[in-house]
Amino acid sequence: METRQRTLVKGMIWIALGLVTMSLVGLLFTGSVAVGGTMALVNSAIGFVSYVLYERVWSGVRWGRHV
């Protein structure tokens, strides 16, 4: 089982990668740094919360683990 701290660090790193990617995609599609950045921030916030909840739920599932 993972600690909460590990889950949060993994989530922050994943979101940082997604933030950069989404910023570039948003910029390419809209031509605006502000709009692209806003899209990336909103997406990253939603993705971070979803990821942490998902990981915490799965950390309690015993199926498929060899103990």
C-alpha atoms as a PDB file:
ATOM      1  CA  MET A   1       0.000   0.000   0.000  1.00  0.00           C
ATOM      2  CA  GLU A   2       1.209   3.513  -0.797  1.00  0.00           C
ATOM      3  CA  THR A   3       1.440   6.325   1.686  1.00  0.00           C
ATOM      4  CA  ARG A   4      -0.688   9.405   1.095  1.00  0.00           C
ATOM      5  CA  GLN A   5       2.465  11.465   0.666  1.00  0.00           C
ATOM      6  CA  ARG A   6       3.697   9.195  -2.146  1.00  0.00           C
ATOM      7  CA  THR A   7       0.306   9.387  -3.869  1.00  0.00           C
ATOM      8  CA  LEU A   8       0.354  13.193  -3.655  1.00  0.00           C
ATOM      9  CA  VAL A   9       3.915  13.476  -5.019  1.00  0.00           C
ATOM     10  CA  LYS A  10       3.101  11.133  -7.903  1.00  0.00           C
ATOM     11  CA  GLY A  11      -0.011  13.185  -8.611  1.00  0.00           C
ATOM     12  CA  MET A  12       1.860  16.484  -8.588  1.00  0.00           C
ATOM     13  CA  ILE A  13       4.515  15.206 -10.998  1.00  0.00           C
ATOM     14  CA  TRP A  14       1.869  13.762 -13.322  1.00  0.00           C
ATOM     15  CA  ILE A  15      -0.102  17.015 -13.241  1.00  0.00           C
ATOM     16  CA  ALA A  16       3.025  19.081 -13.970  1.00  0.00           C
ATOM     17  CA  LEU A  17       3.609  17.011 -17.104  1.00  0.00           C
ATOM     18  CA  GLY A  18      -0.045  17.379 -18.085  1.00  0.00           C
ATOM     19  CA  LEU A  19       0.024  21.110 -17.411  1.00  0.00           C
ATOM     20  CA  VAL A  20       2.887  21.644 -19.839  1.00  0.00           C
ATOM     21  CA  THR A  21       1.271  19.432 -22.464  1.00  0.00           C
ATOM     22  CA  MET A  22      -2.169  21.016 -22.142  1.00  0.00           C
ATOM     23  CA  SER A  23      -0.691  24.521 -22.223  1.00  0.00           C
ATOM     24  CA  LEU A  24       0.976  23.768 -25.541  1.00  0.00           C
ATOM     25  CA  VAL A  25      -2.145  22.136 -26.979  1.00  0.00           C
ATOM     26  CA  GLY A  26      -4.305  25.037 -25.767  1.00  0.00           C
ATOM     27  CA  LEU A  27      -1.902  27.541 -27.291  1.00  0.00           C
ATOM     28  CA  LEU A  28      -1.843  25.696 -30.611  1.00  0.00           C
ATOM     29  CA  PHE A  29      -5.638  25.457 -30.816  1.00  0.00           C
ATOM     30  CA  THR A  30      -6.537  28.935 -29.548  1.00  0.00           C
ATOM     31  CA  GLY A  31      -3.462  30.995 -30.383  1.00  0.00           C
ATOM     32  CA  SER A  32      -3.745  32.579 -26.940  1.00  0.00           C
ATOM     33  CA  VAL A  33      -1.364  31.970 -24.044  1.00  0.00           C
ATOM     34  CA  ALA A  34      -4.025  33.153 -21.548  1.00  0.00           C
ATOM     35  CA  VAL A  35      -6.802  30.907 -22.861  1.00  0.00           C
ATOM     36  CA  GLY A  36      -4.470  27.954 -23.337  1.00  0.00           C
ATOM     37  CA  GLY A  37      -3.043  28.425 -19.846  1.00  0.00           C
ATOM     38  CA  THR A  38      -6.486  28.713 -18.263  1.00  0.00           C
ATOM     39  CA  MET A  39      -7.621  25.545 -20.014  1.00  0.00           C
ATOM     40  CA  ALA A  40      -4.508  23.765 -18.776  1.00  0.00           C
ATOM     41  CA  LEU A  41      -4.960  24.952 -15.170  1.00  0.00           C
ATOM     42  CA  VAL A  42      -8.612  23.890 -15.009  1.00  0.00           C
ATOM     43  CA  ASN A  43      -7.839  20.536 -16.591  1.00  0.00           C
ATOM     44  CA  SER A  44      -4.890  20.000 -14.239  1.00  0.00           C
ATOM     45  CA  ALA A  45      -6.900  20.814 -11.109  1.00  0.00           C
ATOM     46  CA  ILE A  46      -9.677  18.403 -12.088  1.00  0.00           C
ATOM     47  CA  GLY A  47      -7.142  15.764 -13.114  1.00  0.00           C
ATOM     48  CA  PHE A  48      -5.200  16.065  -9.851  1.00  0.00           C
ATOM     49  CA  VAL A  49      -8.252  15.608  -7.649  1.00  0.00           C
ATOM     50  CA  SER A  50      -9.471  12.703  -9.792  1.00  0.00           C
ATOM     51  CA  TYR A  51      -6.057  11.028  -9.726  1.00  0.00           C
ATOM     52  CA  VAL A  52      -5.645  11.282  -5.954  1.00  0.00           C
ATOM     53  CA  LEU A  53      -9.145   9.921  -5.313  1.00  0.00           C
ATOM     54  CA  TYR A  54      -8.601   7.115  -7.830  1.00  0.00           C
ATOM     55  CA  GLU A  55      -5.276   6.102  -6.277  1.00  0.00           C
ATOM     56  CA  ARG A  56      -6.655   6.188  -2.733  1.00  0.00           C
ATOM     57  CA  VAL A  57      -9.611   3.991  -3.701  1.00  0.00           C
ATOM     58  CA  TRP A  58      -7.326   1.477  -5.425  1.00  0.00           C
ATOM     59  CA  SER A  59      -4.921   1.451  -2.481  1.00  0.00           C
ATOM     60  CA  GLY A  60      -7.709  -0.164  -0.459  1.00  0.00           C
ATOM     61  CA  VAL A  61      -8.562  -2.814  -3.064  1.00  0.00           C
ATOM     62  CA  ARG A  62      -6.897  -6.112  -2.262  1.00  0.00           C
ATOM     63  CA  TRP A  63      -7.778  -7.838  -5.532  1.00  0.00           C
ATOM     64  CA  GLY A  64      -4.760  -8.780  -7.661  1.00  0.00           C
ATOM     65  CA  ARG A  65      -2.159  -8.246  -4.965  1.00  0.00           C
ATOM     66  CA  HIS A  66       0.292 -10.852  -3.847  1.00  0.00           C
ATOM     67  CA  VAL A  67       0.898 -10.391  -0.159  1.00  0.00           C
END
